[in-house]
């Protein structure tokens, strides 16, 4: 009985739409995860650069580095 429902044209739309929406959901969640990882990487690199700049300015202020 179930196979007859899936082989008819009106019944075949439901499994195909379910596969389409599940694959779209997987693709979107994968893209969001990649964006979050990229954002964290750039944020941590910016923090390191800011801290290095502050440290360099402190050393210049203490005249440890000749100009």
N, C-alpha and C. Protein backbone atom coordinates (compact mmCIF):
# COMPACT_ATOMS: atom_id res chain seq x y z
N UNK A 1 0.81 -1.19 0.00
CA UNK A 1 0.00 0.00 0.00
C UNK A 1 0.85 1.27 0.00
N UNK A 2 1.89 1.29 0.82
CA UNK A 2 2.72 2.49 0.89
C UNK A 2 3.45 2.73 -0.42
N UNK A 3 3.94 1.67 -1.03
CA UNK A 3 4.68 1.84 -2.29
C UNK A 3 3.78 2.38 -3.39
N UNK A 4 2.52 1.99 -3.40
CA UNK A 4 1.59 2.52 -4.40
C UNK A 4 1.40 4.02 -4.20
N UNK A 5 1.40 4.48 -2.94
CA UNK A 5 1.25 5.91 -2.63
C UNK A 5 2.48 6.69 -3.11
N UNK A 6 3.67 6.11 -2.96
CA UNK A 6 4.88 6.81 -3.36
C UNK A 6 5.09 6.81 -4.86
N UNK A 7 4.54 5.85 -5.57
CA UNK A 7 4.74 5.80 -7.01
C UNK A 7 3.75 6.68 -7.75
N UNK A 8 2.64 7.08 -7.13
CA UNK A 8 1.73 7.98 -7.82
C UNK A 8 2.35 9.38 -7.88
N UNK A 9 1.94 10.16 -8.84
CA UNK A 9 2.55 11.49 -9.04
C UNK A 9 2.29 12.42 -7.86
N UNK A 10 1.10 12.37 -7.30
CA UNK A 10 0.79 13.28 -6.19
C UNK A 10 1.50 12.84 -4.91
N UNK A 11 1.73 11.56 -4.74
CA UNK A 11 2.40 11.07 -3.55
C UNK A 11 3.90 11.22 -3.59
N UNK A 12 4.46 11.31 -4.77
CA UNK A 12 5.92 11.42 -4.90
C UNK A 12 6.41 12.82 -4.56
N UNK A 13 5.53 13.79 -4.51
CA UNK A 13 5.93 15.17 -4.23
C UNK A 13 6.38 15.30 -2.78
N UNK A 14 5.74 14.62 -1.86
CA UNK A 14 6.05 14.77 -0.45
C UNK A 14 7.46 14.29 -0.08
N UNK A 15 7.87 13.10 -0.49
CA UNK A 15 9.25 12.70 -0.16
C UNK A 15 10.30 13.57 -0.85
N UNK A 16 10.02 13.99 -2.07
CA UNK A 16 10.97 14.85 -2.78
C UNK A 16 11.08 16.21 -2.11
N UNK A 17 9.97 16.77 -1.69
CA UNK A 17 10.04 18.06 -1.00
C UNK A 17 10.73 17.92 0.35
N UNK A 18 10.53 16.81 1.02
CA UNK A 18 11.21 16.58 2.29
C UNK A 18 12.72 16.48 2.10
N UNK A 19 13.15 15.78 1.07
CA UNK A 19 14.59 15.68 0.77
C UNK A 19 15.15 17.05 0.40
N UNK A 20 14.41 17.82 -0.39
CA UNK A 20 14.87 19.15 -0.79
C UNK A 20 15.04 20.06 0.42
N UNK A 21 14.04 20.11 1.31
CA UNK A 21 14.11 20.99 2.46
C UNK A 21 15.17 20.55 3.47
N UNK A 22 15.36 19.26 3.62
CA UNK A 22 16.41 18.78 4.52
C UNK A 22 17.79 19.12 3.97
N UNK A 23 17.98 18.98 2.66
CA UNK A 23 19.27 19.33 2.09
C UNK A 23 19.50 20.83 2.15
N UNK A 24 18.46 21.63 1.94
CA UNK A 24 18.60 23.08 2.05
C UNK A 24 18.92 23.49 3.49
N UNK A 25 18.28 22.85 4.45
CA UNK A 25 18.55 23.14 5.86
C UNK A 25 19.98 22.77 6.22
N UNK A 26 20.46 21.64 5.71
CA UNK A 26 21.83 21.22 5.97
C UNK A 26 22.82 22.21 5.35
N UNK A 27 22.57 22.64 4.14
CA UNK A 27 23.46 23.59 3.47
C UNK A 27 23.49 24.93 4.20
N UNK A 28 22.35 25.42 4.61
CA UNK A 28 22.29 26.71 5.30
C UNK A 28 22.99 26.62 6.66
N UNK A 29 22.77 25.54 7.40
CA UNK A 29 23.44 25.42 8.70
C UNK A 29 24.94 25.26 8.53
N UNK A 30 25.38 24.60 7.48
CA UNK A 30 26.82 24.48 7.21
C UNK A 30 27.43 25.85 6.90
N UNK A 31 26.73 26.66 6.09
CA UNK A 31 27.23 28.00 5.76
C UNK A 31 27.29 28.89 7.00
N UNK A 32 26.30 28.79 7.88
CA UNK A 32 26.30 29.58 9.11
C UNK A 32 27.45 29.16 10.02
N UNK A 33 27.70 27.87 10.09
CA UNK A 33 28.81 27.38 10.91
C UNK A 33 30.15 27.86 10.37
N UNK A 34 30.33 27.83 9.05
CA UNK A 34 31.58 28.33 8.46
C UNK A 34 31.75 29.83 8.71
N UNK A 35 30.66 30.60 8.61
CA UNK A 35 30.75 32.03 8.87
C UNK A 35 31.11 32.30 10.33
N UNK A 36 30.56 31.53 11.25
CA UNK A 36 30.87 31.72 12.67
C UNK A 36 32.34 31.42 12.94
N UNK A 37 32.87 30.38 12.34
CA UNK A 37 34.29 30.05 12.52
C UNK A 37 35.17 31.15 11.94
N UNK A 38 34.80 31.66 10.76
CA UNK A 38 35.59 32.73 10.15
C UNK A 38 35.53 34.00 10.99
N UNK A 39 34.37 34.31 11.54
CA UNK A 39 34.22 35.50 12.38
C UNK A 39 35.09 35.38 13.64
N UNK A 40 35.09 34.21 14.27
CA UNK A 40 35.90 34.01 15.47
C UNK A 40 37.39 34.13 15.16
N UNK A 41 37.79 33.63 13.99
CA UNK A 41 39.20 33.72 13.60
C UNK A 41 39.62 35.17 13.42
N UNK A 42 38.83 35.94 12.66
CA UNK A 42 39.19 37.34 12.44
C UNK A 42 39.11 38.15 13.73
N UNK A 43 38.17 37.82 14.60
CA UNK A 43 38.06 38.53 15.87
C UNK A 43 39.28 38.27 16.75
N UNK A 44 39.73 37.04 16.81
CA UNK A 44 40.91 36.74 17.62
C UNK A 44 42.17 37.35 17.03
N UNK A 45 42.28 37.37 15.70
CA UNK A 45 43.43 38.02 15.07
C UNK A 45 43.44 39.53 15.34
N UNK A 46 42.26 40.13 15.35
CA UNK A 46 42.17 41.56 15.64
C UNK A 46 42.57 41.84 17.09
N UNK A 47 42.17 40.97 18.00
CA UNK A 47 42.55 41.15 19.41
C UNK A 47 44.05 41.04 19.60
N UNK A 48 44.68 40.09 18.91
CA UNK A 48 46.14 39.93 19.02
C UNK A 48 46.83 41.17 18.46
N UNK A 49 46.36 41.66 17.32
CA UNK A 49 46.97 42.84 16.71
C UNK A 49 46.80 44.06 17.62
N UNK A 50 45.64 44.22 18.22
CA UNK A 50 45.40 45.35 19.11
C UNK A 50 46.31 45.27 20.33
N UNK A 51 46.44 44.09 20.89
CA UNK A 51 47.31 43.94 22.07
C UNK A 51 48.77 44.19 21.72
N UNK A 52 49.20 43.75 20.55
CA UNK A 52 50.58 43.99 20.12
C UNK A 52 50.82 45.48 19.90
N UNK A 53 49.85 46.17 19.34
CA UNK A 53 49.98 47.62 19.13
C UNK A 53 50.07 48.36 20.46
N UNK A 54 49.23 47.98 21.40
CA UNK A 54 49.27 48.61 22.73
C UNK A 54 50.62 48.36 23.40
N UNK A 55 51.11 47.13 23.31
CA UNK A 55 52.40 46.81 23.92
C UNK A 55 53.53 47.61 23.26
N UNK A 56 53.48 47.75 21.95
CA UNK A 56 54.50 48.53 21.24
C UNK A 56 54.44 50.00 21.64
N UNK A 57 53.26 50.55 21.80
CA UNK A 57 53.14 51.95 22.23
C UNK A 57 53.65 52.14 23.66
N UNK A 58 53.42 51.16 24.51
CA UNK A 58 53.93 51.25 25.88
C UNK A 58 55.46 51.23 25.86
N UNK A 59 56.06 50.37 25.06
CA UNK A 59 57.52 50.30 24.98
C UNK A 59 58.11 51.57 24.38
N UNK A 60 57.44 52.16 23.40
CA UNK A 60 57.91 53.43 22.84
C UNK A 60 57.81 54.53 23.90
N UNK A 61 56.74 54.50 24.68
CA UNK A 61 56.57 55.50 25.74
C UNK A 61 57.61 55.38 26.82
N UNK A 62 58.12 54.21 27.05
CA UNK A 62 59.17 54.02 28.06
C UNK A 62 60.56 54.16 27.45
N UNK A 63 60.66 54.56 26.23
CA UNK A 63 61.91 54.77 25.50
C UNK A 63 62.78 53.50 25.43
N UNK A 64 62.16 52.36 25.36
CA UNK A 64 62.92 51.14 25.23
C UNK A 64 63.32 50.88 23.77
N UNK A 65 62.55 51.43 22.86
CA UNK A 65 62.81 51.22 21.44
C UNK A 65 63.29 52.55 20.85
N UNK A 66 64.50 52.62 20.30
CA UNK A 66 64.93 53.88 19.70
C UNK A 66 64.15 54.17 18.42
N UNK A 67 63.87 55.43 18.21
CA UNK A 67 63.10 55.82 17.02
C UNK A 67 63.97 56.07 15.83
